[in-house]
Amino acid sequence: MRLYVLPAALILLLLPGVSQADWLFTPSLGVTFGADATGNEHFTYGAAIGWMGAGVFGFEGDFSFTPEFFEGDDGFNLDGGSHVATAMFNGILGIPMGGQHGGGFRPYVTAGVGMLQAEARSNNRLFDVDNTEFGINLGGGAIIFVSDHVGLRSDLRYVRSLEDPDEDNAFDVALGNFDYWRGTAGLTFRW
């Protein structure tokens, strides 16, 4: 047993400490606007879970859901409902100002790829769209930490679908024709 204690202790001492990296979880609320959401600005909610190193690099999984996305202020209504959901994997480039303990400020830019799912239908099923495709998102924001474990996050992202214009060539991907902006704010929990 003693034979294993010394090597295990040595490994623990050589591993980067908890202060070398942060796991971040942010539930958020916001609104969609612009591009295909113009006139259809709607409430959106979601969450992001990610990791930021002591330096400037990190990654996250970002998930969002916007109910009634295609229902506008112009009276157009889909009785069967509509929504847009995204699940994206993003790289993050952020500058930690103030360290990783206590208060601090971390502005960042982010970009990533993932899935974008749009659904719209009428009650009588005459109009029924359910489309899932790859998408991209680009954006930025900032996290203001008010303590060791809690911060406030504000985020602005541009979301756009991707499509395969040439079905014979699986590697020929182009920007799709569906896009919108998403602004969110939320509490960030750091551990």
N, C-alpha and C. Protein backbone atom coordinates (compact mmCIF):
# COMPACT_ATOMS: atom_id res chain seq x y z
N MET A 1 0.82 -1.19 0.00
CA MET A 1 0.00 0.00 0.00
C MET A 1 0.87 1.26 0.00
N ARG A 2 1.93 1.30 0.85
CA ARG A 2 2.81 2.46 0.91
C ARG A 2 3.54 2.67 -0.41
N LEU A 3 3.71 1.61 -1.16
CA LEU A 3 4.38 1.67 -2.44
C LEU A 3 3.62 2.58 -3.41
N TYR A 4 2.29 2.65 -3.26
CA TYR A 4 1.45 3.43 -4.16
C TYR A 4 1.20 4.85 -3.67
N VAL A 5 1.33 5.10 -2.37
CA VAL A 5 1.01 6.41 -1.80
C VAL A 5 1.98 7.47 -2.31
N LEU A 6 3.27 7.20 -2.29
CA LEU A 6 4.26 8.20 -2.71
C LEU A 6 4.11 8.57 -4.19
N PRO A 7 4.01 7.60 -5.13
CA PRO A 7 3.79 7.99 -6.53
C PRO A 7 2.47 8.73 -6.74
N ALA A 8 1.42 8.32 -6.04
CA ALA A 8 0.12 9.01 -6.19
C ALA A 8 0.22 10.44 -5.68
N ALA A 9 0.90 10.65 -4.58
CA ALA A 9 1.08 12.01 -4.05
C ALA A 9 1.91 12.86 -5.00
N LEU A 10 2.93 12.27 -5.58
CA LEU A 10 3.78 12.99 -6.54
C LEU A 10 2.98 13.40 -7.78
N ILE A 11 2.16 12.51 -8.28
CA ILE A 11 1.32 12.82 -9.45
C ILE A 11 0.36 13.95 -9.13
N LEU A 12 -0.27 13.92 -7.96
CA LEU A 12 -1.19 14.99 -7.57
C LEU A 12 -0.48 16.33 -7.46
N LEU A 13 0.74 16.33 -6.97
CA LEU A 13 1.50 17.58 -6.87
C LEU A 13 1.89 18.13 -8.23
N LEU A 14 2.13 17.26 -9.19
CA LEU A 14 2.55 17.70 -10.52
C LEU A 14 1.39 18.11 -11.42
N LEU A 15 0.17 17.66 -11.10
CA LEU A 15 -0.99 18.04 -11.91
C LEU A 15 -1.29 19.51 -11.73
N PRO A 16 -1.81 20.18 -12.77
CA PRO A 16 -2.19 21.58 -12.60
C PRO A 16 -3.27 21.68 -11.53
N GLY A 17 -3.16 22.71 -10.72
CA GLY A 17 -4.14 22.90 -9.65
C GLY A 17 -5.48 23.37 -10.18
N VAL A 18 -6.44 23.40 -9.29
CA VAL A 18 -7.79 23.84 -9.66
C VAL A 18 -7.76 25.27 -10.16
N SER A 19 -6.82 26.07 -9.64
CA SER A 19 -6.76 27.47 -10.05
C SER A 19 -6.26 27.62 -11.48
N GLN A 20 -5.78 26.56 -12.11
CA GLN A 20 -5.27 26.64 -13.46
C GLN A 20 -6.37 26.57 -14.52
N ALA A 21 -7.57 26.20 -14.13
CA ALA A 21 -8.66 26.09 -15.10
C ALA A 21 -10.00 26.27 -14.40
N ASP A 22 -10.98 26.73 -15.16
CA ASP A 22 -12.32 26.94 -14.64
C ASP A 22 -13.34 26.19 -15.49
N TRP A 23 -14.25 25.51 -14.83
CA TRP A 23 -15.44 25.01 -15.50
C TRP A 23 -16.51 26.05 -15.29
N LEU A 24 -17.27 26.35 -16.35
CA LEU A 24 -18.29 27.41 -16.30
C LEU A 24 -19.63 26.85 -16.75
N PHE A 25 -20.68 27.17 -16.01
CA PHE A 25 -22.04 26.80 -16.39
C PHE A 25 -22.89 28.05 -16.36
N THR A 26 -23.58 28.35 -17.49
CA THR A 26 -24.37 29.56 -17.60
C THR A 26 -25.75 29.28 -18.15
N PRO A 27 -26.81 29.27 -17.32
CA PRO A 27 -28.17 29.30 -17.86
C PRO A 27 -28.46 30.74 -18.29
N SER A 28 -29.17 30.91 -19.42
CA SER A 28 -29.35 32.27 -19.94
C SER A 28 -30.75 32.48 -20.52
N LEU A 29 -31.12 33.75 -20.59
CA LEU A 29 -32.37 34.22 -21.19
C LEU A 29 -32.02 35.32 -22.17
N GLY A 30 -32.84 35.47 -23.23
CA GLY A 30 -32.54 36.52 -24.18
C GLY A 30 -33.61 36.68 -25.23
N VAL A 31 -33.17 37.19 -26.38
CA VAL A 31 -34.09 37.47 -27.48
C VAL A 31 -33.38 37.21 -28.81
N THR A 32 -34.15 36.78 -29.81
CA THR A 32 -33.64 36.65 -31.18
C THR A 32 -34.08 37.88 -31.96
N PHE A 33 -33.26 38.30 -32.93
CA PHE A 33 -33.59 39.49 -33.71
C PHE A 33 -32.78 39.50 -35.00
N GLY A 34 -33.13 40.40 -35.90
CA GLY A 34 -32.39 40.60 -37.14
C GLY A 34 -32.50 39.47 -38.14
N ALA A 35 -32.13 39.74 -39.37
CA ALA A 35 -32.13 38.77 -40.47
C ALA A 35 -33.47 38.05 -40.55
N ASP A 36 -33.52 36.73 -40.44
CA ASP A 36 -34.78 35.98 -40.54
C ASP A 36 -35.68 36.13 -39.32
N ALA A 37 -35.18 36.76 -38.27
CA ALA A 37 -36.01 37.00 -37.08
C ALA A 37 -36.59 38.41 -37.07
N THR A 38 -36.31 39.22 -38.09
CA THR A 38 -36.85 40.58 -38.15
C THR A 38 -38.37 40.51 -38.20
N GLY A 39 -39.00 41.18 -37.26
CA GLY A 39 -40.47 41.13 -37.14
C GLY A 39 -40.92 39.92 -36.35
N ASN A 40 -40.01 39.00 -36.07
CA ASN A 40 -40.32 37.80 -35.29
C ASN A 40 -39.42 37.72 -34.06
N GLU A 41 -39.15 38.86 -33.43
CA GLU A 41 -38.28 38.88 -32.26
C GLU A 41 -38.97 38.11 -31.14
N HIS A 42 -38.29 37.10 -30.63
CA HIS A 42 -38.91 36.25 -29.61
C HIS A 42 -37.94 35.93 -28.49
N PHE A 43 -38.52 35.62 -27.36
CA PHE A 43 -37.80 35.16 -26.18
C PHE A 43 -37.06 33.87 -26.51
N THR A 44 -35.83 33.75 -26.02
CA THR A 44 -35.05 32.53 -26.18
C THR A 44 -34.40 32.18 -24.85
N TYR A 45 -34.17 30.92 -24.63
CA TYR A 45 -33.48 30.50 -23.41
C TYR A 45 -32.54 29.36 -23.73
N GLY A 46 -31.58 29.16 -22.84
CA GLY A 46 -30.61 28.10 -23.09
C GLY A 46 -29.60 27.99 -21.98
N ALA A 47 -28.51 27.31 -22.27
CA ALA A 47 -27.44 27.11 -21.31
C ALA A 47 -26.15 26.81 -22.05
N ALA A 48 -25.05 27.14 -21.40
CA ALA A 48 -23.73 26.81 -21.93
C ALA A 48 -22.91 26.21 -20.80
N ILE A 49 -22.16 25.18 -21.14
CA ILE A 49 -21.21 24.62 -20.19
C ILE A 49 -19.87 24.56 -20.90
N GLY A 50 -18.85 25.07 -20.20
CA GLY A 50 -17.56 25.15 -20.87
C GLY A 50 -16.40 25.13 -19.91
N TRP A 51 -15.21 25.21 -20.48
CA TRP A 51 -13.96 25.18 -19.75
C TRP A 51 -13.08 26.29 -20.27
N MET A 52 -12.50 27.05 -19.35
CA MET A 52 -11.53 28.08 -19.70
C MET A 52 -10.26 27.83 -18.92
N GLY A 53 -9.15 27.79 -19.62
CA GLY A 53 -7.86 27.62 -18.97
C GLY A 53 -7.43 28.91 -18.30
N ALA A 54 -6.30 28.84 -17.60
CA ALA A 54 -5.77 30.04 -16.94
C ALA A 54 -5.32 31.06 -17.99
N GLY A 55 -5.09 30.60 -19.20
CA GLY A 55 -4.70 31.50 -20.29
C GLY A 55 -5.93 32.05 -20.99
N VAL A 56 -5.88 32.08 -22.30
CA VAL A 56 -6.95 32.72 -23.07
C VAL A 56 -7.83 31.74 -23.83
N PHE A 57 -7.50 30.45 -23.86
CA PHE A 57 -8.24 29.50 -24.67
C PHE A 57 -9.23 28.69 -23.85
N GLY A 58 -10.34 28.33 -24.49
CA GLY A 58 -11.35 27.49 -23.86
C GLY A 58 -12.29 26.91 -24.89
N PHE A 59 -13.29 26.17 -24.41
CA PHE A 59 -14.32 25.60 -25.27
C PHE A 59 -15.62 25.51 -24.49
N GLU A 60 -16.72 25.36 -25.23
CA GLU A 60 -18.02 25.24 -24.57
C GLU A 60 -19.01 24.51 -25.47
N GLY A 61 -20.02 23.96 -24.84
CA GLY A 61 -21.20 23.46 -25.52
C GLY A 61 -22.31 24.45 -25.24
N ASP A 62 -22.96 24.95 -26.28
CA ASP A 62 -23.99 25.99 -26.14
C ASP A 62 -25.30 25.45 -26.71
N PHE A 63 -26.36 25.54 -25.91
CA PHE A 63 -27.67 25.03 -26.31
C PHE A 63 -28.70 26.15 -26.15
N SER A 64 -29.59 26.29 -27.14
CA SER A 64 -30.64 27.31 -27.03
C SER A 64 -31.94 26.80 -27.64
N PHE A 65 -33.04 27.38 -27.18
CA PHE A 65 -34.37 27.03 -27.67
C PHE A 65 -35.19 28.31 -27.75
N THR A 66 -35.78 28.55 -28.94
CA THR A 66 -36.62 29.72 -29.16
C THR A 66 -38.00 29.26 -29.59
N PRO A 67 -39.00 29.29 -28.69
CA PRO A 67 -40.36 28.92 -29.08
C PRO A 67 -40.98 30.01 -29.94
N GLU A 68 -41.91 29.63 -30.79
CA GLU A 68 -42.68 30.55 -31.65
C GLU A 68 -41.80 31.39 -32.55
N PHE A 69 -40.66 30.87 -32.97
CA PHE A 69 -39.69 31.64 -33.74
C PHE A 69 -40.29 32.23 -35.01
N PHE A 70 -41.12 31.49 -35.72
CA PHE A 70 -41.64 31.95 -37.02
C PHE A 70 -42.97 32.67 -36.91
N GLU A 71 -43.44 32.95 -35.71
CA GLU A 71 -44.71 33.64 -35.51
C GLU A 71 -44.42 35.11 -35.24
N GLY A 72 -44.87 35.97 -36.15
CA GLY A 72 -44.51 37.38 -36.08
C GLY A 72 -45.59 38.26 -35.51
N ASP A 73 -45.24 39.54 -35.41
CA ASP A 73 -46.17 40.55 -34.92
C ASP A 73 -47.19 40.94 -35.98
N ASP A 74 -47.05 40.43 -37.20
CA ASP A 74 -47.93 40.80 -38.30
C ASP A 74 -49.22 39.96 -38.33
N GLY A 75 -49.47 39.18 -37.29
CA GLY A 75 -50.69 38.37 -37.24
C GLY A 75 -50.50 36.97 -37.77
N PHE A 76 -49.36 36.68 -38.40
CA PHE A 76 -49.10 35.33 -38.88
C PHE A 76 -48.95 34.41 -37.68
N ASN A 77 -49.76 33.35 -37.63
CA ASN A 77 -49.74 32.46 -36.48
C ASN A 77 -49.77 31.02 -36.94
N LEU A 78 -48.93 30.22 -36.37
CA LEU A 78 -48.89 28.79 -36.65
C LEU A 78 -49.50 28.08 -35.45
N ASP A 79 -50.75 27.63 -35.59
CA ASP A 79 -51.45 27.02 -34.46
C ASP A 79 -50.76 25.75 -33.98
N GLY A 80 -50.04 25.08 -34.84
CA GLY A 80 -49.34 23.86 -34.46
C GLY A 80 -48.00 24.15 -33.79
N GLY A 81 -47.58 25.42 -33.82
CA GLY A 81 -46.35 25.83 -33.16
C GLY A 81 -45.14 25.89 -34.07
N SER A 82 -44.13 26.56 -33.58
CA SER A 82 -42.86 26.65 -34.28
C SER A 82 -41.76 26.87 -33.25
N HIS A 83 -40.55 26.49 -33.60
CA HIS A 83 -39.41 26.75 -32.74
C HIS A 83 -38.11 26.60 -33.53
N VAL A 84 -37.04 27.12 -32.95
CA VAL A 84 -35.69 26.91 -33.45
C VAL A 84 -34.85 26.49 -32.25
N ALA A 85 -34.09 25.43 -32.42
CA ALA A 85 -33.20 24.94 -31.37
C ALA A 85 -31.79 24.79 -31.95
N THR A 86 -30.80 25.12 -31.14
CA THR A 86 -29.42 24.96 -31.57
C THR A 86 -28.62 24.19 -30.52
N ALA A 87 -27.65 23.44 -30.99
CA ALA A 87 -26.67 22.76 -30.14
C ALA A 87 -25.32 22.95 -30.82
N MET A 88 -24.47 23.79 -30.26
CA MET A 88 -23.21 24.16 -30.90
C MET A 88 -22.02 23.84 -30.00
N PHE A 89 -20.90 23.48 -30.62
CA PHE A 89 -19.64 23.32 -29.92
C PHE A 89 -18.74 24.46 -30.36
N ASN A 90 -18.24 25.24 -29.39
CA ASN A 90 -17.52 26.48 -29.70
C ASN A 90 -16.13 26.52 -29.08
N GLY A 91 -15.24 27.16 -29.79
CA GLY A 91 -13.95 27.54 -29.23
C GLY A 91 -14.10 28.94 -28.67
N ILE A 92 -13.38 29.24 -27.59
CA ILE A 92 -13.47 30.55 -26.94
C ILE A 92 -12.07 31.13 -26.82
N LEU A 93 -11.97 32.42 -27.09
CA LEU A 93 -10.74 33.16 -26.87
C LEU A 93 -11.10 34.30 -25.93
N GLY A 94 -10.66 34.23 -24.66
CA GLY A 94 -11.04 35.23 -23.67
C GLY A 94 -9.86 35.64 -22.82
N ILE A 95 -9.84 36.89 -22.43
CA ILE A 95 -8.74 37.44 -21.66
C ILE A 95 -9.17 37.56 -20.20
N PRO A 96 -8.54 36.79 -19.28
CA PRO A 96 -8.91 36.91 -17.87
C PRO A 96 -8.27 38.14 -17.23
N MET A 97 -9.10 39.08 -16.81
CA MET A 97 -8.60 40.28 -16.12
C MET A 97 -9.05 40.18 -14.67
N GLY A 98 -8.10 40.14 -13.79
CA GLY A 98 -8.44 40.03 -12.37
C GLY A 98 -8.23 38.63 -11.83
N GLY A 99 -7.71 37.72 -12.62
CA GLY A 99 -7.41 36.38 -12.14
C GLY A 99 -8.61 35.46 -12.14
N GLN A 100 -8.46 34.33 -11.47
CA GLN A 100 -9.50 33.32 -11.45
C GLN A 100 -10.12 33.15 -10.07
N HIS A 101 -9.80 34.06 -9.17
CA HIS A 101 -10.40 34.03 -7.84
C HIS A 101 -11.00 35.40 -7.55
N GLY A 102 -12.12 35.40 -6.86
CA GLY A 102 -12.75 36.66 -6.52
C GLY A 102 -13.31 37.34 -7.75
N GLY A 103 -13.43 38.64 -7.68
CA GLY A 103 -13.96 39.41 -8.79
C GLY A 103 -13.02 39.41 -9.98
N GLY A 104 -13.59 39.64 -11.14
CA GLY A 104 -12.78 39.67 -12.35
C GLY A 104 -13.65 39.95 -13.56
N PHE A 105 -13.00 40.16 -14.67
CA PHE A 105 -13.67 40.51 -15.92
C PHE A 105 -13.03 39.69 -17.03
N ARG A 106 -13.85 39.04 -17.86
CA ARG A 106 -13.32 38.24 -18.95
C ARG A 106 -14.10 38.53 -20.23
N PRO A 107 -13.62 39.45 -21.08
CA PRO A 107 -14.22 39.60 -22.41
C PRO A 107 -13.77 38.44 -23.28
N TYR A 108 -14.61 38.05 -24.25
CA TYR A 108 -14.27 36.90 -25.08
C TYR A 108 -14.91 37.01 -26.45
N VAL A 109 -14.35 36.26 -27.39
CA VAL A 109 -14.96 36.02 -28.70
C VAL A 109 -15.10 34.51 -28.83
N THR A 110 -16.06 34.09 -29.62
CA THR A 110 -16.34 32.66 -29.75
C THR A 110 -16.81 32.35 -31.15
N ALA A 111 -16.56 31.13 -31.58
CA ALA A 111 -17.04 30.65 -32.88
C ALA A 111 -17.17 29.14 -32.79
N GLY A 112 -18.15 28.60 -33.52
CA GLY A 112 -18.31 27.16 -33.48
C GLY A 112 -19.27 26.63 -34.50
N VAL A 113 -19.44 25.32 -34.48
CA VAL A 113 -20.34 24.61 -35.38
C VAL A 113 -21.22 23.67 -34.58
N GLY A 114 -22.32 23.27 -35.19
CA GLY A 114 -23.22 22.33 -34.53
C GLY A 114 -24.48 22.12 -35.33
N MET A 115 -25.53 21.79 -34.63
CA MET A 115 -26.82 21.49 -35.26
C MET A 115 -27.80 22.63 -35.03
N LEU A 116 -28.59 22.91 -36.05
CA LEU A 116 -29.64 23.91 -36.00
C LEU A 116 -30.92 23.23 -36.46
N GLN A 117 -31.94 23.22 -35.61
CA GLN A 117 -33.19 22.54 -35.94
C GLN A 117 -34.32 23.57 -35.94
N ALA A 118 -35.06 23.65 -37.05
CA ALA A 118 -36.19 24.56 -37.18
C ALA A 118 -37.45 23.76 -37.48
N GLU A 119 -38.53 24.09 -36.78
CA GLU A 119 -39.80 23.39 -36.98
C GLU A 119 -40.94 24.41 -36.99
N ALA A 120 -41.84 24.25 -37.93
CA ALA A 120 -43.04 25.09 -38.02
C ALA A 120 -44.16 24.25 -38.61
N ARG A 121 -45.34 24.34 -37.99
CA ARG A 121 -46.47 23.56 -38.52
C ARG A 121 -47.79 24.20 -38.15
N SER A 122 -48.77 23.97 -39.00
CA SER A 122 -50.14 24.40 -38.71
C SER A 122 -50.89 23.24 -38.07
N ASN A 123 -51.99 23.55 -37.40
CA ASN A 123 -52.77 22.50 -36.73
C ASN A 123 -53.27 21.43 -37.70
N ASN A 124 -53.67 21.84 -38.89
CA ASN A 124 -54.22 20.89 -39.86
C ASN A 124 -53.13 20.18 -40.67
N ARG A 125 -51.87 20.44 -40.36
CA ARG A 125 -50.71 19.80 -41.00
C ARG A 125 -50.57 20.11 -42.49
N LEU A 126 -51.29 21.11 -43.00
CA LEU A 126 -51.10 21.52 -44.39
C LEU A 126 -49.72 22.15 -44.57
N PHE A 127 -49.28 22.82 -43.52
CA PHE A 127 -47.96 23.43 -43.54
C PHE A 127 -47.14 22.74 -42.45
N ASP A 128 -46.09 22.02 -42.84
CA ASP A 128 -45.30 21.25 -41.88
C ASP A 128 -43.84 21.24 -42.32
N VAL A 129 -42.99 21.94 -41.57
CA VAL A 129 -41.57 22.00 -41.86
C VAL A 129 -40.82 21.52 -40.63
N ASP A 130 -39.94 20.57 -40.80
CA ASP A 130 -39.08 20.09 -39.73
C ASP A 130 -37.71 19.86 -40.35
N ASN A 131 -36.79 20.81 -40.14
CA ASN A 131 -35.52 20.80 -40.83
C ASN A 131 -34.37 20.83 -39.82
N THR A 132 -33.47 19.88 -39.92
CA THR A 132 -32.27 19.86 -39.09
C THR A 132 -31.06 19.86 -40.00
N GLU A 133 -30.16 20.81 -39.76
CA GLU A 133 -28.96 20.90 -40.57
C GLU A 133 -27.81 21.45 -39.73
N PHE A 134 -26.62 21.40 -40.30
CA PHE A 134 -25.47 21.96 -39.62
C PHE A 134 -25.59 23.47 -39.62
N GLY A 135 -24.98 24.10 -38.62
CA GLY A 135 -24.98 25.55 -38.53
C GLY A 135 -23.68 26.03 -37.91
N ILE A 136 -23.49 27.34 -37.98
CA ILE A 136 -22.34 27.99 -37.36
C ILE A 136 -22.84 29.11 -36.46
N ASN A 137 -22.00 29.52 -35.53
CA ASN A 137 -22.30 30.71 -34.76
C ASN A 137 -21.00 31.45 -34.46
N LEU A 138 -21.09 32.77 -34.46
CA LEU A 138 -19.95 33.65 -34.19
C LEU A 138 -20.44 34.71 -33.22
N GLY A 139 -19.61 35.09 -32.28
CA GLY A 139 -20.06 36.12 -31.37
C GLY A 139 -19.03 36.51 -30.35
N GLY A 140 -19.51 37.16 -29.32
CA GLY A 140 -18.65 37.61 -28.25
C GLY A 140 -19.47 38.09 -27.08
N GLY A 141 -18.76 38.45 -26.06
CA GLY A 141 -19.43 38.93 -24.86
C GLY A 141 -18.44 39.13 -23.75
N ALA A 142 -18.96 39.10 -22.52
CA ALA A 142 -18.11 39.29 -21.35
C ALA A 142 -18.74 38.62 -20.15
N ILE A 143 -17.89 38.19 -19.24
CA ILE A 143 -18.32 37.65 -17.95
C ILE A 143 -17.70 38.54 -16.88
N ILE A 144 -18.54 39.03 -15.98
CA ILE A 144 -18.08 39.81 -14.84
C ILE A 144 -18.28 38.95 -13.60
N PHE A 145 -17.19 38.51 -13.00
CA PHE A 145 -17.28 37.68 -11.80
C PHE A 145 -17.40 38.59 -10.58
N VAL A 146 -18.39 38.31 -9.75
CA VAL A 146 -18.61 39.09 -8.54
C VAL A 146 -18.10 38.35 -7.30
N SER A 147 -17.73 37.09 -7.45
CA SER A 147 -17.16 36.29 -6.37
C SER A 147 -16.35 35.16 -6.99
N ASP A 148 -15.84 34.26 -6.15
CA ASP A 148 -15.07 33.12 -6.65
C ASP A 148 -15.90 32.24 -7.57
N HIS A 149 -17.19 32.14 -7.33
CA HIS A 149 -18.00 31.14 -8.02
C HIS A 149 -19.19 31.67 -8.81
N VAL A 150 -19.45 32.97 -8.78
CA VAL A 150 -20.63 33.51 -9.47
C VAL A 150 -20.25 34.73 -10.29
N GLY A 151 -20.81 34.79 -11.50
CA GLY A 151 -20.59 35.93 -12.36
C GLY A 151 -21.82 36.24 -13.19
N LEU A 152 -21.80 37.36 -13.88
CA LEU A 152 -22.85 37.77 -14.79
C LEU A 152 -22.28 37.73 -16.20
N ARG A 153 -23.03 37.11 -17.14
CA ARG A 153 -22.54 36.96 -18.51
C ARG A 153 -23.51 37.60 -19.48
N SER A 154 -22.97 38.33 -20.43
CA SER A 154 -23.74 38.93 -21.52
C SER A 154 -23.12 38.44 -22.83
N ASP A 155 -23.96 38.07 -23.80
CA ASP A 155 -23.47 37.40 -24.99
C ASP A 155 -24.28 37.82 -26.21
N LEU A 156 -23.61 38.03 -27.33
CA LEU A 156 -24.26 38.34 -28.60
C LEU A 156 -23.70 37.37 -29.64
N ARG A 157 -24.61 36.64 -30.35
CA ARG A 157 -24.17 35.66 -31.35
C ARG A 157 -24.94 35.83 -32.66
N TYR A 158 -24.22 35.55 -33.73
CA TYR A 158 -24.81 35.44 -35.05
C TYR A 158 -24.90 33.95 -35.37
N VAL A 159 -26.09 33.47 -35.73
CA VAL A 159 -26.32 32.06 -36.01
C VAL A 159 -26.74 31.93 -37.47
N ARG A 160 -26.14 30.98 -38.19
CA ARG A 160 -26.46 30.78 -39.61
C ARG A 160 -26.43 29.29 -39.94
N SER A 161 -27.35 28.88 -40.79
CA SER A 161 -27.38 27.48 -41.22
C SER A 161 -26.33 27.24 -42.28
N LEU A 162 -25.93 25.99 -42.41
CA LEU A 162 -25.05 25.54 -43.48
C LEU A 162 -25.84 24.55 -44.33
N GLU A 163 -25.54 24.50 -45.58
CA GLU A 163 -26.21 23.53 -46.45
C GLU A 163 -25.20 22.92 -47.40
N ASP A 164 -25.54 21.78 -47.92
CA ASP A 164 -24.71 21.09 -48.89
C ASP A 164 -25.30 21.35 -50.27
N PRO A 165 -24.77 22.33 -51.02
CA PRO A 165 -25.37 22.68 -52.31
C PRO A 165 -25.19 21.60 -53.38
N ASP A 166 -24.22 20.73 -53.19
CA ASP A 166 -23.97 19.68 -54.16
C ASP A 166 -24.04 18.33 -53.44
N GLU A 167 -25.17 17.65 -53.55
CA GLU A 167 -25.37 16.41 -52.82
C GLU A 167 -24.44 15.29 -53.29
N ASP A 168 -23.83 15.44 -54.46
CA ASP A 168 -22.89 14.43 -54.95
C ASP A 168 -21.53 14.53 -54.25
N ASN A 169 -21.24 15.70 -53.67
CA ASN A 169 -19.96 15.92 -53.02
C ASN A 169 -20.21 16.29 -51.56
N ALA A 170 -19.98 15.35 -50.65
CA ALA A 170 -20.29 15.56 -49.24
C ALA A 170 -19.41 16.62 -48.59
N PHE A 171 -18.32 17.01 -49.22
CA PHE A 171 -17.42 17.98 -48.62
C PHE A 171 -17.65 19.39 -49.13
N ASP A 172 -18.63 19.60 -49.98
CA ASP A 172 -18.93 20.91 -50.54
C ASP A 172 -20.03 21.55 -49.69
N VAL A 173 -19.64 22.34 -48.70
CA VAL A 173 -20.59 22.96 -47.78
C VAL A 173 -20.56 24.47 -47.98
N ALA A 174 -21.73 25.09 -48.00
CA ALA A 174 -21.83 26.54 -48.18
C ALA A 174 -22.75 27.11 -47.12
N LEU A 175 -22.73 28.43 -46.96
CA LEU A 175 -23.63 29.08 -46.03
C LEU A 175 -25.06 28.90 -46.50
N GLY A 176 -25.94 28.60 -45.56
CA GLY A 176 -27.36 28.45 -45.88
C GLY A 176 -28.05 29.80 -45.94
N ASN A 177 -29.35 29.78 -46.16
CA ASN A 177 -30.09 31.03 -46.30
C ASN A 177 -30.90 31.38 -45.05
N PHE A 178 -30.70 30.68 -43.94
CA PHE A 178 -31.40 30.95 -42.70
C PHE A 178 -30.41 31.48 -41.67
N ASP A 179 -30.68 32.68 -41.13
CA ASP A 179 -29.77 33.26 -40.14
C ASP A 179 -30.53 34.23 -39.24
N TYR A 180 -29.94 34.50 -38.09
CA TYR A 180 -30.50 35.44 -37.13
C TYR A 180 -29.45 35.79 -36.07
N TRP A 181 -29.75 36.79 -35.27
CA TRP A 181 -28.91 37.19 -34.15
C TRP A 181 -29.59 36.77 -32.85
N ARG A 182 -28.77 36.51 -31.84
CA ARG A 182 -29.29 36.13 -30.52
C ARG A 182 -28.50 36.88 -29.45
N GLY A 183 -29.21 37.61 -28.61
CA GLY A 183 -28.59 38.29 -27.48
C GLY A 183 -29.10 37.66 -26.19
N THR A 184 -28.19 37.32 -25.28
CA THR A 184 -28.58 36.67 -24.03
C THR A 184 -27.82 37.26 -22.84
N ALA A 185 -28.34 37.00 -21.66
CA ALA A 185 -27.67 37.33 -20.41
C ALA A 185 -28.00 36.22 -19.42
N GLY A 186 -27.08 35.96 -18.50
CA GLY A 186 -27.31 34.92 -17.52
C GLY A 186 -26.31 34.95 -16.39
N LEU A 187 -26.54 34.09 -15.42
CA LEU A 187 -25.63 33.90 -14.31
C LEU A 187 -24.62 32.81 -14.68
N THR A 188 -23.36 33.04 -14.41
CA THR A 188 -22.32 32.05 -14.65
C THR A 188 -21.84 31.50 -13.32
N PHE A 189 -21.79 30.18 -13.25
CA PHE A 189 -21.28 29.51 -12.06
C PHE A 189 -19.94 28.89 -12.41
N ARG A 190 -18.94 29.21 -11.59
CA ARG A 190 -17.55 28.80 -11.85
C ARG A 190 -17.09 27.83 -10.76
N TRP A 191 -16.47 26.76 -11.20
CA TRP A 191 -15.84 25.84 -10.22
C TRP A 191 -14.58 25.25 -10.79
